Amino acid sequence: MSLSAYSLVEAAEHIREGRISSAELVADCLARIDEVEPQVQAWVHLDREHALAQAKALDDARAHGGPTGPLHGVPVGIKDIFDTSDYPTEFGSPIWVGRTPRRDAAAVAMLRAAGAVVMGKTVSTEYAYYNPGKTRNPYDPTRTPGGSSSGSAAAVAAGMAPGAIGSQTNGSVIRPASFCGVVGFKPSHGMIPRTGVLLLSRTLDHVGVFARSVPDAALLAQTIFGFDREDPDTRPVARHPLLETAVSKPPLPPRFAFVKTSAWDKADEVTKEAFGELVEALGENASEVELGQSHEGAFGFHRIVMDVEMAQNLHRDYEQSATAMSPVLRELIERGRSHRAIEYVRALDAIPALRSSIDEVFDEYDAIITPAAPGVAPKGLDSTGNPVFCSLWTYLGLPALSVPLMSDEAGLPLGVQVVGRYGNDARLLRSANWLVQTLGGKPKRSRKR
């Protein structure tokens, strides 16, 4: 078995127990990168010697009795909007080529403290928005990997690293995870500090993770949950036992609310059929639930908040270098400048009431299941796909996962999005893990495409 095929939890355990070394694992991942990177193109910055040097230093520390963290010696990919002191951080934009930060983003620093090897920087779309980068879908290079965390999702899917981190302001973790057939986890808003990460929208920005299983995602996220005084939306609370809870047996089989949302008419037939099969397979553990008309406005509210806050946070770059931006990014910034203040304030004020009304669903159900994307990864590389099935949950700051439970008749992955109550990230992970185990971890195949 190739070492690069180990899950993140397995890799951490094998290194901790001395069955493999970090240098061996990193070397095997580099060999895998040499094999598939020319086709997938998931990395924007990768220094092989530097990655191996980190691994050897961690092996030496362990050999001399040094402490080992929960990710000791495990390589991870970092989306190229997170500052790294040893790699450039360029935001997927020609405006920032060669930008070299002086310190790590808070999440990167926490990964290093946990013993992780920073393998390199993964491709991001331009400013983590819609304009695609160079990455291709590992399942079919003529299809998009999704975005904006394109490289992180593709690197994990192609076996180049057992885990990676990304971000989501609309659908940038959940959608690429679905298209690439991996687990993508976007925790509750404010659980992972965003200090040192490209600021697009304080209200909507989330840090997320990619991995090959729900326990892997739980372990990776657990290491970067925490408080940082420079991120005003984080709180000094006890660390969540995400992995321990995720792999534990629920006291009762979880119940799932199947929620279509008003975006259901955007779903492809393959998605509609697959979710019908999924709900049927779950039997009494799933019921269809309607949220009501009050939530339909959330999609427009999300867009207003994203438009305005991105226009504000990118105003300097726009004013100085607008011609170096893509037309789609310029259009967003100009649209954000045109919104009235009262529209923006109303969009912000609606969040607590809508989140509270969703809590009524969680009073009866453990989690919501809904599509992660309209369908499988679309053909073509000029778009990253439609994030419409992610907008509501991102706007409300709720924790969400995409788990690769289904596929179309050609074997292209189709993710199931599992959404939880705000702050109940550990319980959500447990429910999602139960869902995967109950269905055997094998994608259900739809007959249509």
Protein backbone atom coordinates (compact mmCIF):
# COMPACT_ATOMS: atom_id res chain seq x y z
CA MET A 1 0.00 0.00 0.00
CA SER A 2 1.34 3.41 -0.95
CA LEU A 3 1.89 5.60 2.09
CA SER A 4 0.15 8.48 0.30
CA ALA A 5 -3.05 6.42 0.42
CA TYR A 6 -3.18 6.56 4.23
CA SER A 7 -5.97 8.60 5.72
CA LEU A 8 -4.98 11.54 7.87
CA VAL A 9 -5.88 9.71 11.08
CA GLU A 10 -3.96 6.62 9.94
CA ALA A 11 -0.91 8.63 8.92
CA ALA A 12 -0.79 10.46 12.25
CA GLU A 13 -1.10 7.19 14.17
CA HIS A 14 1.56 5.36 12.14
CA ILE A 15 4.05 8.20 12.60
CA ARG A 16 3.26 8.51 16.30
CA GLU A 17 3.78 4.74 16.80
CA GLY A 18 6.99 4.74 14.75
CA ARG A 19 5.71 2.44 12.02
CA ILE A 20 6.54 5.00 9.33
CA SER A 21 8.47 8.25 9.35
CA SER A 22 7.26 11.65 8.27
CA ALA A 23 10.04 11.78 5.68
CA GLU A 24 8.82 8.51 4.14
CA LEU A 25 5.24 9.77 4.00
CA VAL A 26 6.18 13.14 2.52
CA ALA A 27 8.46 11.48 -0.05
CA ASP A 28 5.61 9.20 -1.09
CA CYS A 29 3.22 12.15 -1.39
CA LEU A 30 5.80 13.96 -3.52
CA ALA A 31 6.05 10.92 -5.78
CA ARG A 32 2.28 10.96 -6.13
CA ILE A 33 2.42 14.66 -6.98
CA ASP A 34 5.01 13.97 -9.68
CA GLU A 35 2.63 11.38 -11.12
CA VAL A 36 -0.64 13.34 -11.22
CA GLU A 37 0.15 17.04 -10.85
CA PRO A 38 0.78 17.61 -14.60
CA GLN A 39 -2.86 16.68 -15.19
CA VAL A 40 -4.54 18.01 -12.04
CA GLN A 41 -2.45 21.17 -11.39
CA ALA A 42 -3.51 21.61 -7.77
CA TRP A 43 -0.40 23.45 -6.51
CA VAL A 44 0.73 27.00 -7.07
CA HIS A 45 3.82 26.83 -4.80
CA LEU A 46 5.59 23.60 -3.87
CA ASP A 47 9.17 23.26 -2.63
CA ARG A 48 10.09 19.58 -2.40
CA GLU A 49 13.32 20.12 -0.48
CA HIS A 50 11.60 22.37 2.03
CA ALA A 51 8.78 19.88 2.58
CA LEU A 52 11.29 17.06 3.17
CA ALA A 53 13.36 19.26 5.48
CA GLN A 54 10.30 19.91 7.65
CA ALA A 55 9.56 16.18 7.78
CA LYS A 56 13.12 15.24 8.71
CA ALA A 57 13.21 17.86 11.46
CA LEU A 58 10.00 16.45 12.92
CA ASP A 59 11.39 12.90 12.73
CA ASP A 60 14.55 14.03 14.51
CA ALA A 61 12.54 15.75 17.24
CA ARG A 62 10.51 12.59 17.84
CA ALA A 63 13.65 10.40 17.84
CA HIS A 64 15.13 12.58 20.58
CA GLY A 65 12.06 12.30 22.80
CA GLY A 66 10.40 15.56 21.81
CA PRO A 67 6.66 16.01 22.13
CA THR A 68 4.45 14.99 19.23
CA GLY A 69 1.31 16.86 18.29
CA PRO A 70 -1.89 15.34 16.89
CA LEU A 71 -0.69 15.90 13.31
CA HIS A 72 3.01 15.22 13.90
CA GLY A 73 4.70 14.71 10.54
CA VAL A 74 1.50 14.72 8.47
CA PRO A 75 1.61 16.82 5.27
CA VAL A 76 -1.22 19.26 4.53
CA GLY A 77 -1.97 21.67 1.70
CA ILE A 78 -2.69 25.34 2.35
CA LYS A 79 -4.99 27.42 0.13
CA ASP A 80 -3.13 30.37 -1.35
CA ILE A 81 -5.09 32.99 0.57
CA PHE A 82 -3.57 31.94 3.93
CA ASP A 83 -0.38 33.74 4.87
CA THR A 84 2.66 31.49 5.19
CA SER A 85 6.05 32.74 6.35
CA ASP A 86 7.91 30.24 4.15
CA TYR A 87 5.86 30.42 0.94
CA PRO A 88 4.44 33.30 -1.11
CA THR A 89 0.74 34.09 -0.67
CA GLU A 90 -0.69 35.60 -3.83
CA PHE A 91 -4.51 35.34 -3.54
CA GLY A 92 -4.76 33.79 -7.00
CA SER A 93 -4.21 37.26 -8.49
CA PRO A 94 -1.51 38.70 -10.75
CA ILE A 95 -1.67 41.84 -8.61
CA TRP A 96 -0.02 40.04 -5.70
CA VAL A 97 2.55 37.85 -7.45
CA GLY A 98 5.62 37.48 -5.24
CA ARG A 99 3.92 38.68 -2.05
CA THR A 100 5.83 37.18 0.90
CA PRO A 101 4.17 37.48 4.31
CA ARG A 102 6.26 37.87 7.45
CA ARG A 103 4.23 35.46 9.57
CA ASP A 104 1.81 32.58 9.31
CA ALA A 105 -1.94 32.92 9.39
CA ALA A 106 -3.35 31.82 12.74
CA ALA A 107 -4.69 28.54 11.31
CA VAL A 108 -1.33 27.75 9.68
CA ALA A 109 0.50 28.48 12.94
CA MET A 110 -1.86 26.12 14.76
CA LEU A 111 -1.22 23.40 12.19
CA ARG A 112 2.52 23.77 12.65
CA ALA A 113 2.07 23.66 16.44
CA ALA A 114 0.19 20.38 15.96
CA GLY A 115 3.22 19.02 14.06
CA ALA A 116 1.89 19.26 10.50
CA VAL A 117 4.19 19.59 7.51
CA VAL A 118 3.16 22.52 5.32
CA MET A 119 3.45 20.76 1.98
CA GLY A 120 2.83 23.83 -0.16
CA LYS A 121 0.23 26.30 -1.37
CA THR A 122 -2.80 25.09 -3.29
CA VAL A 123 -4.49 26.95 -6.11
CA SER A 124 -7.20 29.46 -5.28
CA THR A 125 -9.47 31.21 -7.74
CA GLU A 126 -8.79 34.95 -8.11
CA TYR A 127 -9.38 36.54 -4.68
CA ALA A 128 -11.25 33.35 -3.73
CA TYR A 129 -14.12 34.43 -6.00
CA TYR A 130 -15.42 32.95 -9.27
CA ASN A 131 -12.62 33.42 -11.82
CA PRO A 132 -11.03 29.91 -12.08
CA GLY A 133 -7.39 28.99 -11.58
CA LYS A 134 -5.49 26.28 -13.44
CA THR A 135 -6.73 23.26 -11.45
CA ARG A 136 -8.61 20.41 -13.13
CA ASN A 137 -10.98 17.86 -11.65
CA PRO A 138 -9.09 14.63 -10.77
CA TYR A 139 -12.04 12.55 -12.01
CA ASP A 140 -12.15 14.23 -15.42
CA PRO A 141 -9.66 16.96 -16.44
CA THR A 142 -12.25 18.49 -18.79
CA ARG A 143 -14.43 19.36 -15.78
CA THR A 144 -14.12 22.01 -13.06
CA PRO A 145 -12.90 20.97 -9.60
CA GLY A 146 -15.15 23.67 -8.15
CA GLY A 147 -13.92 26.70 -6.31
CA SER A 148 -12.65 28.75 -4.81
CA SER A 149 -10.68 26.14 -2.83
CA SER A 150 -9.96 24.31 -6.07
CA GLY A 151 -6.44 23.12 -5.39
CA SER A 152 -7.10 21.96 -1.83
CA ALA A 153 -10.02 19.75 -2.84
CA ALA A 154 -8.23 18.36 -5.89
CA ALA A 155 -4.98 17.66 -4.01
CA VAL A 156 -6.79 15.55 -1.41
CA ALA A 157 -8.93 13.81 -4.02
CA ALA A 158 -5.87 12.92 -6.12
CA GLY A 159 -3.96 11.48 -3.16
CA MET A 160 -1.31 14.22 -3.09
CA ALA A 161 -1.92 15.04 0.59
CA PRO A 162 -4.18 13.47 3.23
CA GLY A 163 -5.63 16.86 4.20
CA ALA A 164 -5.82 20.50 3.21
CA ILE A 165 -7.40 23.73 4.37
CA GLY A 166 -9.53 26.17 2.42
CA SER A 167 -12.14 28.84 2.93
CA GLN A 168 -15.79 29.54 2.14
CA THR A 169 -17.66 32.80 1.65
CA ASN A 170 -20.43 31.20 -0.39
CA GLY A 171 -19.77 27.60 -1.49
CA SER A 172 -15.98 27.38 -1.70
CA VAL A 173 -15.50 24.32 0.54
CA ILE A 174 -18.71 22.36 0.12
CA ARG A 175 -18.99 22.62 -3.67
CA PRO A 176 -15.40 21.57 -4.60
CA ALA A 177 -15.58 18.76 -2.04
CA SER A 178 -18.70 17.49 -3.80
CA PHE A 179 -17.21 17.80 -7.29
CA CYS A 180 -13.94 16.11 -6.27
CA GLY A 181 -15.43 13.33 -4.14
CA VAL A 182 -13.87 14.20 -0.77
CA VAL A 183 -15.17 15.32 2.61
CA GLY A 184 -15.37 19.09 2.98
CA PHE A 185 -16.17 20.57 6.40
CA LYS A 186 -17.15 24.21 6.96
CA PRO A 187 -17.49 24.73 10.72
CA SER A 188 -19.78 27.23 12.42
CA HIS A 189 -18.85 30.83 11.77
CA GLY A 190 -16.14 32.02 14.14
CA MET A 191 -14.88 28.61 15.23
CA ILE A 192 -11.58 28.85 13.31
CA PRO A 193 -9.67 32.16 13.38
CA ARG A 194 -9.24 33.98 10.08
CA THR A 195 -6.29 36.11 11.15
CA GLY A 196 -3.81 36.24 8.29
CA VAL A 197 -6.38 35.06 5.72
CA LEU A 198 -7.53 37.23 2.82
CA LEU A 199 -10.46 39.24 4.16
CA LEU A 200 -13.44 39.23 1.83
CA SER A 201 -16.45 39.34 4.15
CA ARG A 202 -16.27 39.35 7.93
CA THR A 203 -19.89 38.21 8.08
CA LEU A 204 -19.51 35.30 5.67
CA ASP A 205 -15.86 34.16 5.63
CA HIS A 206 -15.25 30.70 7.11
CA VAL A 207 -12.12 28.56 7.27
CA GLY A 208 -12.77 24.95 6.26
CA VAL A 209 -10.96 21.65 5.74
CA PHE A 210 -10.75 18.85 3.17
CA ALA A 211 -10.03 15.20 3.97
CA ARG A 212 -10.87 11.67 2.88
CA SER A 213 -13.22 10.77 5.71
CA VAL A 214 -15.35 12.41 8.39
CA PRO A 215 -12.91 11.42 11.20
CA ASP A 216 -10.04 12.88 9.16
CA ALA A 217 -11.92 16.15 8.74
CA ALA A 218 -12.72 16.18 12.46
CA LEU A 219 -9.07 15.74 13.44
CA LEU A 220 -7.85 18.39 11.02
CA ALA A 221 -10.49 20.92 12.08
CA GLN A 222 -9.97 20.18 15.76
CA THR A 223 -6.36 21.31 15.58
CA ILE A 224 -7.32 24.75 14.27
CA PHE A 225 -10.46 25.47 16.30
CA GLY A 226 -9.75 28.20 18.81
CA PHE A 227 -9.67 31.81 19.90
CA ASP A 228 -7.52 34.50 18.37
CA ARG A 229 -7.70 38.05 19.68
CA GLU A 230 -7.17 39.44 16.17
CA ASP A 231 -10.34 37.78 14.87
CA PRO A 232 -13.26 39.50 16.63
CA ASP A 233 -15.69 36.68 15.79
CA THR A 234 -13.80 33.97 17.69
CA ARG A 235 -14.53 33.30 21.36
CA PRO A 236 -12.35 31.98 24.23
CA VAL A 237 -14.13 28.68 24.83
CA ALA A 238 -12.98 25.15 25.59
CA ARG A 239 -11.70 23.22 22.58
CA HIS A 240 -14.31 21.02 20.94
CA PRO A 241 -13.57 17.25 21.06
CA LEU A 242 -14.45 16.88 17.40
CA LEU A 243 -12.69 13.60 16.61
CA GLU A 244 -13.74 11.83 19.79
CA THR A 245 -17.37 12.81 19.24
CA ALA A 246 -17.33 12.12 15.50
CA VAL A 247 -16.33 8.48 15.93
CA SER A 248 -18.58 7.84 18.93
CA LYS A 249 -21.88 5.97 18.66
CA PRO A 250 -24.94 8.24 18.81
CA PRO A 251 -27.21 7.49 21.79
CA LEU A 252 -30.02 7.07 19.24
CA PRO A 253 -29.88 6.78 15.45
CA PRO A 254 -29.87 10.35 14.13
CA ARG A 255 -32.87 11.77 12.30
CA PHE A 256 -32.37 13.84 9.17
CA ALA A 257 -34.56 16.59 7.75
CA PHE A 258 -34.44 16.54 3.96
CA VAL A 259 -34.60 20.22 2.97
CA LYS A 260 -34.86 21.14 -0.70
CA THR A 261 -34.85 24.97 -0.23
CA SER A 262 -36.08 27.31 -2.94
CA ALA A 263 -32.98 26.36 -4.97
CA TRP A 264 -34.42 22.92 -5.74
CA ASP A 265 -35.42 23.94 -9.25
CA LYS A 266 -31.70 24.49 -9.95
CA ALA A 267 -30.93 20.83 -9.17
CA ASP A 268 -30.11 18.49 -12.05
CA GLU A 269 -32.31 15.43 -12.58
CA VAL A 270 -29.48 13.18 -11.41
CA THR A 271 -29.47 15.04 -8.08
CA LYS A 272 -33.23 14.89 -7.65
CA GLU A 273 -33.28 11.17 -8.34
CA ALA A 274 -30.28 10.47 -6.10
CA PHE A 275 -31.81 12.30 -3.14
CA GLY A 276 -35.05 10.44 -3.62
CA GLU A 277 -33.08 7.20 -3.35
CA LEU A 278 -31.17 8.50 -0.32
CA VAL A 279 -34.30 9.46 1.61
CA GLU A 280 -35.87 6.11 0.73
CA ALA A 281 -32.78 4.26 1.96
CA LEU A 282 -32.86 6.14 5.28
CA GLY A 283 -36.51 5.20 5.83
CA GLU A 284 -37.86 6.43 9.15
CA ASN A 285 -34.61 8.25 9.85
CA ALA A 286 -35.37 10.93 7.23
CA SER A 287 -38.34 13.16 6.48
CA GLU A 288 -38.85 16.02 4.05
CA VAL A 289 -39.16 19.39 5.80
CA GLU A 290 -40.08 22.76 4.31
CA LEU A 291 -38.48 25.86 5.78
CA GLY A 292 -41.15 28.31 4.68
CA GLN A 293 -41.10 31.44 2.56
CA SER A 294 -39.21 33.55 5.09
CA HIS A 295 -35.98 31.78 4.16
CA GLU A 296 -36.27 32.47 0.45
CA GLY A 297 -35.05 36.02 1.00
CA ALA A 298 -31.81 34.70 2.52
CA PHE A 299 -30.33 34.06 -0.91
CA GLY A 300 -30.67 37.71 -1.84
CA PHE A 301 -29.47 38.82 1.58
CA HIS A 302 -26.35 36.68 1.21
CA ARG A 303 -25.55 38.28 -2.12
CA ILE A 304 -25.98 41.81 -0.76
CA VAL A 305 -23.69 41.15 2.21
CA MET A 306 -21.06 39.49 0.03
CA ASP A 307 -21.21 42.24 -2.60
CA VAL A 308 -20.91 45.10 -0.13
CA GLU A 309 -18.26 43.63 2.14
CA MET A 310 -16.07 42.42 -0.72
CA ALA A 311 -16.38 45.80 -2.43
CA GLN A 312 -15.23 47.48 0.78
CA ASN A 313 -12.39 45.07 1.54
CA LEU A 314 -11.04 45.06 -2.02
CA HIS A 315 -11.54 48.75 -2.71
CA ARG A 316 -7.84 49.64 -2.63
CA ASP A 317 -6.88 46.95 -5.12
CA TYR A 318 -9.81 47.92 -7.33
CA GLU A 319 -8.92 51.60 -7.32
CA GLN A 320 -5.23 50.98 -7.99
CA SER A 321 -5.30 47.90 -10.26
CA ALA A 322 -8.83 47.36 -11.60
CA THR A 323 -7.53 46.56 -15.09
CA ALA A 324 -5.60 43.59 -13.67
CA MET A 325 -8.80 42.10 -12.23
CA SER A 326 -11.11 39.77 -14.11
CA PRO A 327 -14.36 41.22 -15.46
CA VAL A 328 -16.41 39.05 -13.07
CA LEU A 329 -14.56 40.42 -10.02
CA ARG A 330 -14.86 44.01 -11.23
CA GLU A 331 -18.58 43.48 -11.75
CA LEU A 332 -19.01 42.24 -8.16
CA ILE A 333 -17.14 45.21 -6.71
CA GLU A 334 -19.11 47.69 -8.78
CA ARG A 335 -22.37 45.99 -7.80
CA GLY A 336 -21.34 46.11 -4.14
CA ARG A 337 -20.77 49.85 -4.40
CA SER A 338 -24.27 50.34 -5.79
CA HIS A 339 -26.24 48.76 -2.93
CA ARG A 340 -28.03 51.12 -0.56
CA ALA A 341 -26.99 51.17 3.09
CA ILE A 342 -30.48 50.19 4.26
CA GLU A 343 -30.38 47.04 2.08
CA TYR A 344 -27.09 45.99 3.64
CA VAL A 345 -28.25 46.65 7.21
CA ARG A 346 -31.46 44.71 6.64
CA ALA A 347 -29.47 41.79 5.24
CA LEU A 348 -27.32 41.73 8.37
CA ASP A 349 -30.24 42.14 10.76
CA ALA A 350 -32.09 39.18 9.26
CA ILE A 351 -29.43 36.63 10.27
CA PRO A 352 -30.34 36.09 13.97
CA ALA A 353 -34.08 35.66 13.33
CA LEU A 354 -33.58 33.25 10.41
CA ARG A 355 -30.99 31.25 12.36
CA SER A 356 -33.44 31.04 15.28
CA SER A 357 -36.21 29.75 13.03
CA ILE A 358 -33.88 27.05 11.66
CA ASP A 359 -33.28 25.97 15.26
CA GLU A 360 -36.87 24.74 15.32
CA VAL A 361 -35.83 22.10 12.77
CA PHE A 362 -32.92 21.04 14.96
CA ASP A 363 -35.23 20.71 17.95
CA GLU A 364 -36.70 17.68 16.18
CA TYR A 365 -33.91 16.55 13.84
CA ASP A 366 -30.20 15.97 14.39
CA ALA A 367 -29.15 17.40 11.02
CA ILE A 368 -30.38 18.63 7.67
CA ILE A 369 -29.53 16.83 4.42
CA THR A 370 -29.60 18.79 1.17
CA PRO A 371 -27.61 18.88 -2.07
CA ALA A 372 -24.06 20.20 -1.95
CA ALA A 373 -24.30 21.36 -5.58
CA PRO A 374 -26.86 21.23 -8.40
CA GLY A 375 -25.19 18.15 -9.86
CA VAL A 376 -21.85 16.59 -10.67
CA ALA A 377 -18.94 18.79 -11.75
CA PRO A 378 -19.93 20.62 -14.94
CA LYS A 379 -18.00 20.27 -18.16
CA GLY A 380 -15.60 23.08 -18.97
CA LEU A 381 -13.02 25.07 -17.04
CA ASP A 382 -14.36 28.60 -17.41
CA SER A 383 -16.63 28.33 -14.36
CA THR A 384 -16.42 26.78 -10.90
CA GLY A 385 -20.10 25.81 -10.75
CA ASN A 386 -23.17 27.19 -9.03
CA PRO A 387 -22.94 27.65 -5.21
CA VAL A 388 -26.69 28.15 -4.76
CA PHE A 389 -27.14 25.15 -2.44
CA CYS A 390 -24.53 26.57 -0.05
CA SER A 391 -25.62 30.21 0.17
CA LEU A 392 -28.30 29.86 2.85
CA TRP A 393 -26.13 27.89 5.28
CA THR A 394 -23.09 30.13 4.77
CA TYR A 395 -25.21 33.25 5.29
CA LEU A 396 -26.50 31.83 8.59
CA GLY A 397 -23.03 30.65 9.67
CA LEU A 398 -24.18 27.07 10.27
CA PRO A 399 -21.73 24.13 10.23
CA ALA A 400 -21.91 21.99 7.09
CA LEU A 401 -20.18 18.99 5.53
CA SER A 402 -20.18 17.51 2.06
CA VAL A 403 -19.80 13.74 2.17
CA PRO A 404 -19.20 11.70 -1.03
CA LEU A 405 -22.10 9.27 -0.74
CA MET A 406 -23.43 9.24 -4.28
CA SER A 407 -22.37 9.37 -7.92
CA ASP A 408 -23.84 9.42 -11.39
CA GLU A 409 -23.78 6.47 -13.79
CA ALA A 410 -20.31 7.47 -15.02
CA GLY A 411 -18.88 7.44 -11.49
CA LEU A 412 -18.62 11.22 -11.08
CA PRO A 413 -19.10 12.13 -7.40
CA LEU A 414 -22.21 13.81 -6.06
CA GLY A 415 -21.94 15.06 -2.50
CA VAL A 416 -24.57 15.11 0.21
CA GLN A 417 -24.50 18.29 2.27
CA VAL A 418 -25.19 17.71 5.96
CA VAL A 419 -25.99 20.84 8.00
CA GLY A 420 -26.12 21.25 11.78
CA ARG A 421 -27.23 23.68 14.46
CA TYR A 422 -24.93 26.65 15.03
CA GLY A 423 -22.18 25.66 17.48
CA ASN A 424 -23.03 21.94 17.41
CA ASP A 425 -20.16 21.04 15.12
CA ALA A 426 -19.16 17.88 16.98
CA ARG A 427 -22.70 16.50 16.93
CA LEU A 428 -22.94 17.28 13.22
CA LEU A 429 -19.74 15.34 12.55
CA ARG A 430 -21.11 12.38 14.52
CA SER A 431 -24.37 12.42 12.53
CA ALA A 432 -22.47 12.65 9.24
CA ASN A 433 -20.17 9.80 10.23
CA TRP A 434 -23.20 7.68 11.16
CA LEU A 435 -24.70 8.47 7.76
CA VAL A 436 -21.56 7.32 5.94
CA GLN A 437 -21.23 4.16 8.02
CA THR A 438 -24.90 3.28 7.69
CA LEU A 439 -24.79 3.51 3.91
CA GLY A 440 -21.55 1.55 3.84
CA GLY A 441 -19.40 4.41 2.57
CA LYS A 442 -20.29 3.40 -1.00
CA PRO A 443 -21.81 5.97 -3.35
CA LYS A 444 -25.34 5.28 -4.50
CA ARG A 445 -25.52 5.45 -8.27
CA SER A 446 -28.28 7.21 -10.10
CA ARG A 447 -29.38 5.88 -13.45
CA LYS A 448 -29.80 9.29 -15.07
CA ARG A 449 -27.33 11.92 -16.03
